[in-house]
Amino acid sequence: MLYWILIFLGFLILLIGCQYLLKFLNQHGILINRWLWGLLSFLILIVPHVIWSHIPTGIDGILYALCAVFAINFMIEQHAYVQQLNQ
């Protein structure tokens, strides 16, 4: 049970961090297309695993964290786009 609570808290921290990252990027005039976020969330894992057959665990963990950040950014941007369409 404690494991799932830690996973949920980690996800909430990641979600809040992604919100602040997107806000920071928008304040500095850096606008990244939502589809680029979605594409990069997969490519950040696929390309290194295709190039190198064995990736150290630490680097693999960093790649999975980046994949999570890019995927959450895609979902946030997609949600904002859909809300903009509905207004």
C-alpha atoms as a PDB file:
ATOM      1  CA  MET A   1       0.000   0.000   0.000  1.00  0.00           C
ATOM      2  CA  LEU A   2       2.814   2.405   0.843  1.00  0.00           C
ATOM      3  CA  TYR A   3       4.362   1.738  -2.561  1.00  0.00           C
ATOM      4  CA  TRP A   4       1.236   2.966  -4.375  1.00  0.00           C
ATOM      5  CA  ILE A   5       1.007   6.044  -2.188  1.00  0.00           C
ATOM      6  CA  LEU A   6       4.614   6.896  -3.059  1.00  0.00           C
ATOM      7  CA  ILE A   7       3.924   6.339  -6.767  1.00  0.00           C
ATOM      8  CA  PHE A   8       0.861   8.596  -6.584  1.00  0.00           C
ATOM      9  CA  LEU A   9       2.783  11.317  -4.742  1.00  0.00           C
ATOM     10  CA  GLY A  10       5.608  11.047  -7.276  1.00  0.00           C
ATOM     11  CA  PHE A  11       3.113  11.478 -10.098  1.00  0.00           C
ATOM     12  CA  LEU A  12       1.591  14.541  -8.431  1.00  0.00           C
ATOM     13  CA  ILE A  13       5.045  16.079  -7.985  1.00  0.00           C
ATOM     14  CA  LEU A  14       5.848  15.333 -11.622  1.00  0.00           C
ATOM     15  CA  LEU A  15       2.548  16.854 -12.756  1.00  0.00           C
ATOM     16  CA  ILE A  16       3.110  20.042 -10.751  1.00  0.00           C
ATOM     17  CA  GLY A  17       6.686  20.262 -12.026  1.00  0.00           C
ATOM     18  CA  CYS A  18       5.502  19.943 -15.628  1.00  0.00           C
ATOM     19  CA  GLN A  19       2.934  22.694 -15.069  1.00  0.00           C
ATOM     20  CA  TYR A  20       5.686  25.013 -13.829  1.00  0.00           C
ATOM     21  CA  LEU A  21       7.980  23.990 -16.700  1.00  0.00           C
ATOM     22  CA  LEU A  22       5.348  24.858 -19.314  1.00  0.00           C
ATOM     23  CA  LYS A  23       4.560  28.146 -17.551  1.00  0.00           C
ATOM     24  CA  PHE A  24       8.278  29.014 -17.488  1.00  0.00           C
ATOM     25  CA  LEU A  25       8.682  28.180 -21.183  1.00  0.00           C
ATOM     26  CA  ASN A  26       5.617  30.241 -22.126  1.00  0.00           C
ATOM     27  CA  GLN A  27       6.847  33.238 -20.117  1.00  0.00           C
ATOM     28  CA  HIS A  28      10.118  33.154 -22.042  1.00  0.00           C
ATOM     29  CA  GLY A  29       8.356  32.905 -25.404  1.00  0.00           C
ATOM     30  CA  ILE A  30       9.259  29.277 -26.042  1.00  0.00           C
ATOM     31  CA  LEU A  31       6.239  27.538 -27.520  1.00  0.00           C
ATOM     32  CA  ILE A  32       6.638  23.865 -28.365  1.00  0.00           C
ATOM     33  CA  ASN A  33       3.964  22.145 -30.432  1.00  0.00           C
ATOM     34  CA  ARG A  34       1.987  19.578 -28.469  1.00  0.00           C
ATOM     35  CA  TRP A  35       2.585  16.927 -31.127  1.00  0.00           C
ATOM     36  CA  LEU A  36       6.336  17.411 -30.753  1.00  0.00           C
ATOM     37  CA  TRP A  37       5.972  16.684 -27.022  1.00  0.00           C
ATOM     38  CA  GLY A  38       4.045  13.510 -27.868  1.00  0.00           C
ATOM     39  CA  LEU A  39       6.539  12.347 -30.480  1.00  0.00           C
ATOM     40  CA  LEU A  40       9.525  13.028 -28.245  1.00  0.00           C
ATOM     41  CA  SER A  41       7.984  11.086 -25.371  1.00  0.00           C
ATOM     42  CA  PHE A  42       8.369   7.905 -27.420  1.00  0.00           C
ATOM     43  CA  LEU A  43      11.533   8.737 -29.324  1.00  0.00           C
ATOM     44  CA  ILE A  44      13.467   9.560 -26.132  1.00  0.00           C
ATOM     45  CA  LEU A  45      13.216   5.862 -25.258  1.00  0.00           C
ATOM     46  CA  ILE A  46      13.221   4.173 -28.648  1.00  0.00           C
ATOM     47  CA  VAL A  47      16.241   5.819 -30.285  1.00  0.00           C
ATOM     48  CA  PRO A  48      18.821   5.108 -27.547  1.00  0.00           C
ATOM     49  CA  HIS A  49      17.632   1.496 -27.185  1.00  0.00           C
ATOM     50  CA  VAL A  50      17.934   0.954 -30.944  1.00  0.00           C
ATOM     51  CA  ILE A  51      21.418   2.482 -31.104  1.00  0.00           C
ATOM     52  CA  TRP A  52      22.858   0.791 -27.998  1.00  0.00           C
ATOM     53  CA  SER A  53      21.881  -2.708 -26.991  1.00  0.00           C
ATOM     54  CA  HIS A  54      22.737  -2.204 -23.311  1.00  0.00           C
ATOM     55  CA  ILE A  55      22.009   1.056 -21.526  1.00  0.00           C
ATOM     56  CA  PRO A  56      23.068   1.452 -17.878  1.00  0.00           C
ATOM     57  CA  THR A  57      20.242   1.493 -15.352  1.00  0.00           C
ATOM     58  CA  GLY A  58      20.882   5.070 -14.255  1.00  0.00           C
ATOM     59  CA  ILE A  59      20.705   6.444 -17.784  1.00  0.00           C
ATOM     60  CA  ASP A  60      17.661   4.311 -18.484  1.00  0.00           C
ATOM     61  CA  GLY A  61      15.950   5.798 -15.425  1.00  0.00           C
ATOM     62  CA  ILE A  62      16.709   9.315 -16.671  1.00  0.00           C
ATOM     63  CA  LEU A  63      15.272   8.420 -20.081  1.00  0.00           C
ATOM     64  CA  TYR A  64      12.085   7.089 -18.472  1.00  0.00           C
ATOM     65  CA  ALA A  65      11.772  10.277 -16.388  1.00  0.00           C
ATOM     66  CA  LEU A  66      12.150  12.405 -19.528  1.00  0.00           C
ATOM     67  CA  CYS A  67       9.567  10.232 -21.262  1.00  0.00           C
ATOM     68  CA  ALA A  68       7.143  10.884 -18.393  1.00  0.00           C
ATOM     69  CA  VAL A  69       7.786  14.644 -18.503  1.00  0.00           C
ATOM     70  CA  PHE A  70       7.275  14.828 -22.264  1.00  0.00           C
ATOM     71  CA  ALA A  71       4.110  12.691 -22.123  1.00  0.00           C
ATOM     72  CA  ILE A  72       2.600  14.788 -19.324  1.00  0.00           C
ATOM     73  CA  ASN A  73       3.488  17.990 -21.188  1.00  0.00           C
ATOM     74  CA  PHE A  74       1.707  16.586 -24.246  1.00  0.00           C
ATOM     75  CA  MET A  75      -1.403  15.849 -22.192  1.00  0.00           C
ATOM     76  CA  ILE A  76      -1.378  19.310 -20.581  1.00  0.00           C
ATOM     77  CA  GLU A  77      -0.961  21.053 -23.936  1.00  0.00           C
ATOM     78  CA  GLN A  78      -3.657  18.884 -25.546  1.00  0.00           C
ATOM     79  CA  HIS A  79      -6.067  19.672 -22.709  1.00  0.00           C
ATOM     80  CA  ALA A  80      -5.384  23.406 -23.100  1.00  0.00           C
ATOM     81  CA  TYR A  81      -5.943  23.137 -26.865  1.00  0.00           C
ATOM     82  CA  VAL A  82      -9.279  21.345 -26.452  1.00  0.00           C
ATOM     83  CA  GLN A  83     -10.441  23.870 -23.864  1.00  0.00           C
ATOM     84  CA  GLN A  84      -9.473  26.691 -26.238  1.00  0.00           C
ATOM     85  CA  LEU A  85     -11.549  25.063 -28.996  1.00  0.00           C
ATOM     86  CA  ASN A  86     -14.589  24.747 -26.702  1.00  0.00           C
ATOM     87  CA  GLN A  87     -14.624  28.433 -25.773  1.00  0.00           C
END
